[in-house]
Every structure is written in C-alpha cells, then in structure tokens.
Amino acid sequence: MLKEQIMLSIASFKAAEMWMHAAHHLTKGPSFIATHEMLYGRIYETFSEDFDKLVEKMIFTFDDEELGCPIHISKNAALILSEYESPANLDERSISMLAFVLIVDHMKGVESLLEVLKQNNVSSLGIEDFLSAAYNQYETYAYMLNQHVKI
C-alpha cells in the first residue's frame, strides 16, 4: 500500500511536469512571450527538477529502484493526466485556468505525501524540507496563474 502511494506521488510530479510543459508549448495570445517563458517555462522546469529530486529521495529512503521505473511512472502519469483536459486547442485563459486547478490539486497531493511519510515513520528532515519548499513554490505559481486568469 505504501509503495503504491509513493509511486502515485512520483507519477503526479511527472504528470504535472508533462502537462505544464505542454502548456508551455501550446500557450498563445498577446502575452505569448511572457506566458511561454516567464510562466509555463518556469513552472515546468521546476516540476522537472522536483520530479528528479523526489525520485532520488524515494529510491534512497526505500532502497527500491522500482520507484524510478519509467514504465511504472509513465503508466501512472498517464492515468493522472487523463483526469485533466489537455491544453491542446485551448485559448490562453482556459489553459491558465486548468493549470491553476492542476497545481492546486498537486499541492494537495504534496500535503498527502508528506503526511503518509510521517505516519509511516519514513520521513526525514531532508524530505520534509524538500516537500515544504516545493509546496511553497507551487503556491507562488498558483497565485501567478490565478492572477493571469483575471485577464
């Protein structure tokens, strides 16, 4: 059970990175340059770095290389992505609204992951620091996206 929860959490980071990377490629409109680079570019790069850190920390914590298996991660990420509308063929505001929902959902997942790790006595100061810092950054992105949809 715990392993499955960890694998889903890892996949959630990958799914968020993939969705935001697509938003980076598919954004359009009058504020394209700013939205492409300064918003989605930053967001997907953060998710990519955080995914890498999370996988490494979980492999170390559980001494289980299956947590880094690209097949398992991809399958689970696809299931998670299927719960969200694709940013393809959407206008700029719609992409931002969906990105906001995805980030808020992801933040809830980060909270749940930290709680599960603590409940199972497998958390460390490093993991808690990493997840707290990631959550803080996602909260900033949620603010930015929320402001962006007010266009």
N, C-alpha and C. Protein backbone atom coordinates (compact mmCIF):
# COMPACT_ATOMS: atom_id res chain seq x y z
N MET A 1 0.83 -1.21 0.00
CA MET A 1 0.00 0.00 0.00
C MET A 1 0.86 1.26 0.00
N LEU A 2 1.83 1.33 0.90
CA LEU A 2 2.70 2.50 0.97
C LEU A 2 3.46 2.69 -0.34
N LYS A 3 4.00 1.59 -0.88
CA LYS A 3 4.75 1.69 -2.13
C LYS A 3 3.88 2.23 -3.25
N GLU A 4 2.64 1.78 -3.32
CA GLU A 4 1.73 2.26 -4.37
C GLU A 4 1.45 3.76 -4.21
N GLN A 5 1.30 4.20 -2.97
CA GLN A 5 1.08 5.63 -2.73
C GLN A 5 2.30 6.45 -3.15
N ILE A 6 3.47 5.94 -2.85
CA ILE A 6 4.70 6.64 -3.25
C ILE A 6 4.81 6.68 -4.77
N MET A 7 4.52 5.56 -5.41
CA MET A 7 4.60 5.51 -6.88
C MET A 7 3.61 6.47 -7.53
N LEU A 8 2.42 6.59 -6.96
CA LEU A 8 1.44 7.54 -7.49
C LEU A 8 1.88 8.98 -7.26
N SER A 9 2.51 9.23 -6.13
CA SER A 9 3.01 10.58 -5.87
C SER A 9 4.11 10.96 -6.85
N ILE A 10 5.01 10.03 -7.10
CA ILE A 10 6.08 10.27 -8.08
C ILE A 10 5.46 10.54 -9.45
N ALA A 11 4.48 9.73 -9.83
CA ALA A 11 3.82 9.92 -11.12
C ALA A 11 3.09 11.25 -11.19
N SER A 12 2.57 11.71 -10.07
CA SER A 12 1.89 13.01 -10.04
C SER A 12 2.85 14.14 -10.38
N PHE A 13 4.06 14.06 -9.88
CA PHE A 13 5.07 15.07 -10.21
C PHE A 13 5.38 15.03 -11.71
N LYS A 14 5.50 13.83 -12.26
CA LYS A 14 5.79 13.70 -13.69
C LYS A 14 4.61 14.18 -14.52
N ALA A 15 3.39 13.84 -14.11
CA ALA A 15 2.20 14.27 -14.85
C ALA A 15 2.10 15.79 -14.86
N ALA A 16 2.35 16.41 -13.73
CA ALA A 16 2.29 17.88 -13.66
C ALA A 16 3.35 18.49 -14.56
N GLU A 17 4.53 17.92 -14.54
CA GLU A 17 5.62 18.43 -15.41
C GLU A 17 5.22 18.31 -16.87
N MET A 18 4.67 17.17 -17.26
CA MET A 18 4.29 16.96 -18.66
C MET A 18 3.18 17.92 -19.08
N TRP A 19 2.17 18.10 -18.22
CA TRP A 19 1.07 18.98 -18.57
C TRP A 19 1.56 20.42 -18.71
N MET A 20 2.39 20.85 -17.76
CA MET A 20 2.90 22.22 -17.80
C MET A 20 3.86 22.43 -18.97
N HIS A 21 4.60 21.40 -19.34
CA HIS A 21 5.48 21.51 -20.49
C HIS A 21 4.64 21.68 -21.76
N ALA A 22 3.53 20.94 -21.84
CA ALA A 22 2.62 21.10 -22.97
C ALA A 22 2.02 22.51 -22.98
N ALA A 23 1.63 23.00 -21.82
CA ALA A 23 1.09 24.37 -21.75
C ALA A 23 2.13 25.38 -22.24
N HIS A 24 3.38 25.14 -21.90
CA HIS A 24 4.49 25.99 -22.36
C HIS A 24 4.54 26.00 -23.90
N HIS A 25 4.37 24.84 -24.51
CA HIS A 25 4.41 24.74 -25.97
C HIS A 25 3.16 25.30 -26.63
N LEU A 26 2.02 25.21 -25.96
CA LEU A 26 0.74 25.50 -26.59
C LEU A 26 0.14 26.85 -26.24
N THR A 27 0.77 27.58 -25.32
CA THR A 27 0.21 28.89 -24.97
C THR A 27 0.28 29.81 -26.19
N LYS A 28 -0.62 30.74 -26.21
CA LYS A 28 -0.72 31.64 -27.36
C LYS A 28 -1.35 32.95 -26.92
N GLY A 29 -1.43 33.89 -27.80
CA GLY A 29 -2.12 35.13 -27.48
C GLY A 29 -1.17 36.30 -27.32
N PRO A 30 -1.75 37.46 -26.95
CA PRO A 30 -0.97 38.69 -26.89
C PRO A 30 0.18 38.66 -25.88
N SER A 31 0.06 37.87 -24.86
CA SER A 31 1.14 37.82 -23.86
C SER A 31 1.98 36.55 -24.02
N PHE A 32 2.06 36.05 -25.25
CA PHE A 32 2.73 34.79 -25.52
C PHE A 32 4.14 34.73 -24.93
N ILE A 33 4.97 35.69 -25.21
CA ILE A 33 6.37 35.62 -24.77
C ILE A 33 6.45 35.50 -23.26
N ALA A 34 5.74 36.33 -22.56
CA ALA A 34 5.78 36.29 -21.09
C ALA A 34 5.19 34.99 -20.56
N THR A 35 4.07 34.57 -21.12
CA THR A 35 3.43 33.36 -20.64
C THR A 35 4.26 32.13 -20.98
N HIS A 36 4.80 32.09 -22.17
CA HIS A 36 5.60 30.96 -22.64
C HIS A 36 6.85 30.77 -21.77
N GLU A 37 7.60 31.83 -21.58
CA GLU A 37 8.87 31.73 -20.86
C GLU A 37 8.75 31.96 -19.36
N MET A 38 8.14 33.08 -18.98
CA MET A 38 8.16 33.50 -17.58
C MET A 38 7.14 32.77 -16.71
N LEU A 39 6.15 32.18 -17.30
CA LEU A 39 5.15 31.48 -16.51
C LEU A 39 5.32 29.96 -16.69
N TYR A 40 4.90 29.44 -17.84
CA TYR A 40 4.95 27.99 -18.03
C TYR A 40 6.36 27.44 -18.13
N GLY A 41 7.27 28.22 -18.69
CA GLY A 41 8.66 27.77 -18.74
C GLY A 41 9.22 27.54 -17.35
N ARG A 42 8.97 28.49 -16.47
CA ARG A 42 9.44 28.35 -15.08
C ARG A 42 8.73 27.20 -14.37
N ILE A 43 7.44 27.10 -14.59
CA ILE A 43 6.68 26.07 -13.88
C ILE A 43 7.14 24.67 -14.29
N TYR A 44 7.20 24.41 -15.59
CA TYR A 44 7.55 23.04 -15.99
C TYR A 44 8.99 22.71 -15.62
N GLU A 45 9.89 23.69 -15.67
CA GLU A 45 11.28 23.43 -15.26
C GLU A 45 11.35 23.11 -13.77
N THR A 46 10.56 23.80 -12.97
CA THR A 46 10.50 23.49 -11.53
C THR A 46 9.99 22.08 -11.30
N PHE A 47 8.90 21.71 -11.99
CA PHE A 47 8.36 20.36 -11.83
C PHE A 47 9.36 19.31 -12.28
N SER A 48 10.09 19.59 -13.34
CA SER A 48 11.08 18.64 -13.82
C SER A 48 12.18 18.42 -12.78
N GLU A 49 12.68 19.50 -12.22
CA GLU A 49 13.70 19.39 -11.17
C GLU A 49 13.15 18.71 -9.93
N ASP A 50 11.93 19.04 -9.55
CA ASP A 50 11.33 18.44 -8.36
C ASP A 50 11.07 16.95 -8.55
N PHE A 51 10.64 16.57 -9.75
CA PHE A 51 10.45 15.15 -10.04
C PHE A 51 11.76 14.40 -9.83
N ASP A 52 12.83 14.93 -10.37
CA ASP A 52 14.14 14.29 -10.24
C ASP A 52 14.54 14.14 -8.77
N LYS A 53 14.38 15.20 -8.02
CA LYS A 53 14.73 15.15 -6.59
C LYS A 53 13.87 14.15 -5.83
N LEU A 54 12.57 14.16 -6.11
CA LEU A 54 11.67 13.25 -5.41
C LEU A 54 12.03 11.80 -5.68
N VAL A 55 12.25 11.46 -6.94
CA VAL A 55 12.59 10.07 -7.28
C VAL A 55 13.86 9.65 -6.55
N GLU A 56 14.87 10.51 -6.58
CA GLU A 56 16.13 10.17 -5.91
C GLU A 56 15.93 9.99 -4.41
N LYS A 57 15.17 10.88 -3.78
CA LYS A 57 14.93 10.77 -2.35
C LYS A 57 14.14 9.51 -2.00
N MET A 58 13.17 9.16 -2.82
CA MET A 58 12.36 7.98 -2.54
C MET A 58 13.17 6.69 -2.75
N ILE A 59 13.99 6.66 -3.80
CA ILE A 59 14.84 5.48 -4.01
C ILE A 59 15.78 5.32 -2.82
N PHE A 60 16.36 6.41 -2.36
CA PHE A 60 17.26 6.34 -1.20
C PHE A 60 16.50 5.90 0.05
N THR A 61 15.36 6.52 0.31
CA THR A 61 14.59 6.24 1.52
C THR A 61 14.12 4.79 1.58
N PHE A 62 13.63 4.27 0.47
CA PHE A 62 13.04 2.93 0.46
C PHE A 62 13.98 1.86 -0.11
N ASP A 63 15.14 2.29 -0.61
CA ASP A 63 16.10 1.36 -1.22
C ASP A 63 15.38 0.45 -2.23
N ASP A 64 14.62 1.09 -3.12
CA ASP A 64 13.80 0.36 -4.08
C ASP A 64 13.87 1.06 -5.43
N GLU A 65 14.61 0.47 -6.35
CA GLU A 65 14.79 1.08 -7.67
C GLU A 65 13.54 1.07 -8.52
N GLU A 66 12.56 0.25 -8.18
CA GLU A 66 11.30 0.25 -8.94
C GLU A 66 10.61 1.61 -8.85
N LEU A 67 10.92 2.37 -7.82
CA LEU A 67 10.32 3.70 -7.68
C LEU A 67 10.79 4.64 -8.80
N GLY A 68 11.87 4.28 -9.48
CA GLY A 68 12.36 5.07 -10.60
C GLY A 68 12.08 4.44 -11.94
N CYS A 69 11.27 3.40 -11.97
CA CYS A 69 10.97 2.68 -13.22
C CYS A 69 10.17 3.56 -14.17
N PRO A 70 10.71 3.83 -15.36
CA PRO A 70 10.00 4.71 -16.29
C PRO A 70 8.68 4.13 -16.79
N ILE A 71 8.58 2.82 -16.83
CA ILE A 71 7.34 2.20 -17.29
C ILE A 71 6.23 2.43 -16.27
N HIS A 72 6.52 2.17 -15.00
CA HIS A 72 5.51 2.39 -13.95
C HIS A 72 5.16 3.87 -13.84
N ILE A 73 6.18 4.71 -13.87
CA ILE A 73 5.93 6.16 -13.75
C ILE A 73 5.07 6.64 -14.90
N SER A 74 5.40 6.23 -16.12
CA SER A 74 4.65 6.69 -17.31
C SER A 74 3.20 6.22 -17.28
N LYS A 75 2.99 4.95 -16.90
CA LYS A 75 1.61 4.44 -16.84
C LYS A 75 0.79 5.21 -15.82
N ASN A 76 1.36 5.41 -14.64
CA ASN A 76 0.63 6.14 -13.60
C ASN A 76 0.44 7.61 -13.98
N ALA A 77 1.45 8.21 -14.59
CA ALA A 77 1.31 9.61 -15.02
C ALA A 77 0.22 9.75 -16.06
N ALA A 78 0.12 8.79 -16.97
CA ALA A 78 -0.94 8.83 -17.98
C ALA A 78 -2.32 8.74 -17.35
N LEU A 79 -2.45 7.90 -16.33
CA LEU A 79 -3.74 7.80 -15.63
C LEU A 79 -4.10 9.13 -14.96
N ILE A 80 -3.12 9.76 -14.35
CA ILE A 80 -3.35 11.05 -13.70
C ILE A 80 -3.70 12.11 -14.73
N LEU A 81 -2.94 12.15 -15.83
CA LEU A 81 -3.21 13.14 -16.88
C LEU A 81 -4.60 12.98 -17.48
N SER A 82 -5.09 11.76 -17.53
CA SER A 82 -6.41 11.53 -18.12
C SER A 82 -7.54 12.17 -17.32
N GLU A 83 -7.23 12.59 -16.11
CA GLU A 83 -8.23 13.26 -15.27
C GLU A 83 -8.35 14.75 -15.59
N TYR A 84 -7.46 15.25 -16.44
CA TYR A 84 -7.44 16.68 -16.77
C TYR A 84 -7.61 16.87 -18.28
N GLU A 85 -8.21 17.97 -18.63
CA GLU A 85 -8.33 18.31 -20.04
C GLU A 85 -6.95 18.69 -20.58
N SER A 86 -6.69 18.34 -21.80
CA SER A 86 -5.42 18.69 -22.44
C SER A 86 -5.40 20.19 -22.75
N PRO A 87 -4.23 20.81 -22.69
CA PRO A 87 -4.15 22.22 -23.07
C PRO A 87 -4.20 22.44 -24.58
N ALA A 88 -4.19 21.37 -25.36
CA ALA A 88 -4.22 21.50 -26.82
C ALA A 88 -5.52 22.14 -27.28
N ASN A 89 -5.39 23.08 -28.19
CA ASN A 89 -6.52 23.76 -28.83
C ASN A 89 -7.37 24.60 -27.87
N LEU A 90 -6.79 25.00 -26.77
CA LEU A 90 -7.49 25.88 -25.84
C LEU A 90 -6.92 27.30 -25.93
N ASP A 91 -7.73 28.27 -25.55
CA ASP A 91 -7.24 29.65 -25.52
C ASP A 91 -6.38 29.85 -24.27
N GLU A 92 -5.69 30.96 -24.26
CA GLU A 92 -4.73 31.27 -23.19
C GLU A 92 -5.37 31.24 -21.81
N ARG A 93 -6.53 31.83 -21.67
CA ARG A 93 -7.19 31.89 -20.37
C ARG A 93 -7.60 30.49 -19.90
N SER A 94 -8.12 29.68 -20.80
CA SER A 94 -8.53 28.32 -20.44
C SER A 94 -7.34 27.48 -20.00
N ILE A 95 -6.22 27.62 -20.69
CA ILE A 95 -5.00 26.90 -20.30
C ILE A 95 -4.59 27.31 -18.89
N SER A 96 -4.62 28.60 -18.61
CA SER A 96 -4.24 29.08 -17.28
C SER A 96 -5.20 28.60 -16.20
N MET A 97 -6.48 28.56 -16.52
CA MET A 97 -7.46 28.08 -15.53
C MET A 97 -7.22 26.61 -15.20
N LEU A 98 -6.97 25.81 -16.22
CA LEU A 98 -6.70 24.39 -15.99
C LEU A 98 -5.37 24.19 -15.27
N ALA A 99 -4.38 25.00 -15.61
CA ALA A 99 -3.08 24.91 -14.94
C ALA A 99 -3.23 25.23 -13.46
N PHE A 100 -4.06 26.21 -13.15
CA PHE A 100 -4.32 26.57 -11.75
C PHE A 100 -4.93 25.38 -11.01
N VAL A 101 -5.93 24.74 -11.60
CA VAL A 101 -6.58 23.59 -10.97
C VAL A 101 -5.57 22.47 -10.76
N LEU A 102 -4.77 22.20 -11.78
CA LEU A 102 -3.79 21.13 -11.67
C LEU A 102 -2.79 21.42 -10.55
N ILE A 103 -2.31 22.65 -10.46
CA ILE A 103 -1.33 22.99 -9.41
C ILE A 103 -1.96 22.88 -8.03
N VAL A 104 -3.17 23.36 -7.86
CA VAL A 104 -3.83 23.26 -6.55
C VAL A 104 -4.03 21.78 -6.18
N ASP A 105 -4.45 20.97 -7.13
CA ASP A 105 -4.58 19.54 -6.87
C ASP A 105 -3.23 18.93 -6.50
N HIS A 106 -2.19 19.33 -7.21
CA HIS A 106 -0.86 18.80 -6.94
C HIS A 106 -0.40 19.20 -5.54
N MET A 107 -0.70 20.41 -5.14
CA MET A 107 -0.34 20.86 -3.79
C MET A 107 -1.00 19.97 -2.74
N LYS A 108 -2.26 19.61 -2.96
CA LYS A 108 -2.95 18.71 -2.04
C LYS A 108 -2.23 17.35 -1.99
N GLY A 109 -1.76 16.91 -3.13
CA GLY A 109 -1.02 15.66 -3.20
C GLY A 109 0.30 15.72 -2.45
N VAL A 110 0.97 16.85 -2.51
CA VAL A 110 2.22 17.03 -1.77
C VAL A 110 1.95 16.95 -0.27
N GLU A 111 0.88 17.61 0.16
CA GLU A 111 0.49 17.54 1.58
C GLU A 111 0.22 16.09 1.99
N SER A 112 -0.52 15.38 1.16
CA SER A 112 -0.85 13.98 1.47
C SER A 112 0.40 13.12 1.52
N LEU A 113 1.32 13.32 0.58
CA LEU A 113 2.56 12.56 0.57
C LEU A 113 3.35 12.77 1.85
N LEU A 114 3.49 14.00 2.26
CA LEU A 114 4.22 14.29 3.49
C LEU A 114 3.55 13.63 4.69
N GLU A 115 2.24 13.69 4.74
CA GLU A 115 1.51 13.07 5.85
C GLU A 115 1.71 11.56 5.87
N VAL A 116 1.63 10.92 4.71
CA VAL A 116 1.82 9.47 4.62
C VAL A 116 3.24 9.09 5.05
N LEU A 117 4.21 9.85 4.63
CA LEU A 117 5.60 9.55 5.01
C LEU A 117 5.79 9.69 6.52
N LYS A 118 5.19 10.72 7.09
CA LYS A 118 5.29 10.91 8.54
C LYS A 118 4.58 9.79 9.30
N GLN A 119 3.38 9.43 8.85
CA GLN A 119 2.61 8.38 9.52
C GLN A 119 3.34 7.04 9.50
N ASN A 120 4.13 6.82 8.46
CA ASN A 120 4.86 5.56 8.33
C ASN A 120 6.30 5.67 8.84
N ASN A 121 6.62 6.77 9.50
CA ASN A 121 7.94 6.99 10.09
C ASN A 121 9.08 6.82 9.09
N VAL A 122 8.87 7.30 7.88
CA VAL A 122 9.92 7.22 6.86
C VAL A 122 10.28 8.61 6.33
N SER A 123 9.81 9.64 7.00
CA SER A 123 10.15 10.99 6.61
C SER A 123 11.50 11.35 7.22
N SER A 124 12.14 12.33 6.63
CA SER A 124 13.39 12.85 7.17
C SER A 124 13.34 14.37 7.07
N LEU A 125 14.26 15.03 7.72
CA LEU A 125 14.31 16.49 7.61
C LEU A 125 14.51 16.92 6.16
N GLY A 126 15.32 16.16 5.42
CA GLY A 126 15.55 16.48 4.02
C GLY A 126 14.30 16.38 3.18
N ILE A 127 13.55 15.30 3.38
CA ILE A 127 12.30 15.11 2.64
C ILE A 127 11.29 16.19 3.02
N GLU A 128 11.16 16.45 4.31
CA GLU A 128 10.22 17.47 4.76
C GLU A 128 10.59 18.85 4.23
N ASP A 129 11.89 19.16 4.24
CA ASP A 129 12.36 20.44 3.72
C ASP A 129 12.08 20.54 2.22
N PHE A 130 12.39 19.48 1.50
CA PHE A 130 12.16 19.47 0.05
C PHE A 130 10.68 19.66 -0.27
N LEU A 131 9.81 18.87 0.37
CA LEU A 131 8.38 18.96 0.06
C LEU A 131 7.80 20.31 0.49
N SER A 132 8.27 20.84 1.61
CA SER A 132 7.78 22.16 2.05
C SER A 132 8.22 23.25 1.08
N ALA A 133 9.46 23.19 0.64
CA ALA A 133 9.96 24.20 -0.32
C ALA A 133 9.23 24.07 -1.65
N ALA A 134 8.99 22.83 -2.09
CA ALA A 134 8.26 22.63 -3.34
C ALA A 134 6.85 23.19 -3.22
N TYR A 135 6.18 22.89 -2.12
CA TYR A 135 4.83 23.38 -1.88
C TYR A 135 4.81 24.92 -1.91
N ASN A 136 5.77 25.51 -1.27
CA ASN A 136 5.87 26.97 -1.24
C ASN A 136 5.97 27.54 -2.66
N GLN A 137 6.80 26.92 -3.48
CA GLN A 137 6.94 27.39 -4.86
C GLN A 137 5.65 27.19 -5.65
N TYR A 138 4.99 26.05 -5.45
CA TYR A 138 3.74 25.80 -6.16
C TYR A 138 2.66 26.81 -5.76
N GLU A 139 2.68 27.20 -4.49
CA GLU A 139 1.74 28.21 -4.02
C GLU A 139 1.97 29.54 -4.74
N THR A 140 3.22 29.87 -4.98
CA THR A 140 3.54 31.08 -5.74
C THR A 140 3.03 30.96 -7.17
N TYR A 141 3.23 29.80 -7.78
CA TYR A 141 2.72 29.59 -9.14
C TYR A 141 1.19 29.64 -9.17
N ALA A 142 0.55 29.10 -8.16
CA ALA A 142 -0.91 29.16 -8.10
C ALA A 142 -1.38 30.61 -8.06
N TYR A 143 -0.69 31.44 -7.28
CA TYR A 143 -1.00 32.87 -7.23
C TYR A 143 -0.84 33.50 -8.61
N MET A 144 0.29 33.21 -9.27
CA MET A 144 0.56 33.79 -10.59
C MET A 144 -0.51 33.38 -11.59
N LEU A 145 -0.88 32.10 -11.59
CA LEU A 145 -1.90 31.62 -12.52
C LEU A 145 -3.27 32.23 -12.20
N ASN A 146 -3.58 32.34 -10.93
CA ASN A 146 -4.85 32.95 -10.53
C ASN A 146 -4.93 34.40 -11.01
N GLN A 147 -3.84 35.11 -10.89
CA GLN A 147 -3.81 36.49 -11.38
C GLN A 147 -3.91 36.53 -12.89
N HIS A 148 -3.29 35.56 -13.55
CA HIS A 148 -3.29 35.53 -15.02
C HIS A 148 -4.68 35.27 -15.59
N VAL A 149 -5.50 34.49 -14.91
CA VAL A 149 -6.84 34.21 -15.45
C VAL A 149 -7.78 35.40 -15.32
N LYS A 150 -7.35 36.41 -14.61
CA LYS A 150 -8.19 37.61 -14.46
C LYS A 150 -8.11 38.53 -15.67
N ILE A 151 -7.42 38.07 -16.74
CA ILE A 151 -7.29 38.90 -17.95
C ILE A 151 -8.60 39.02 -18.68
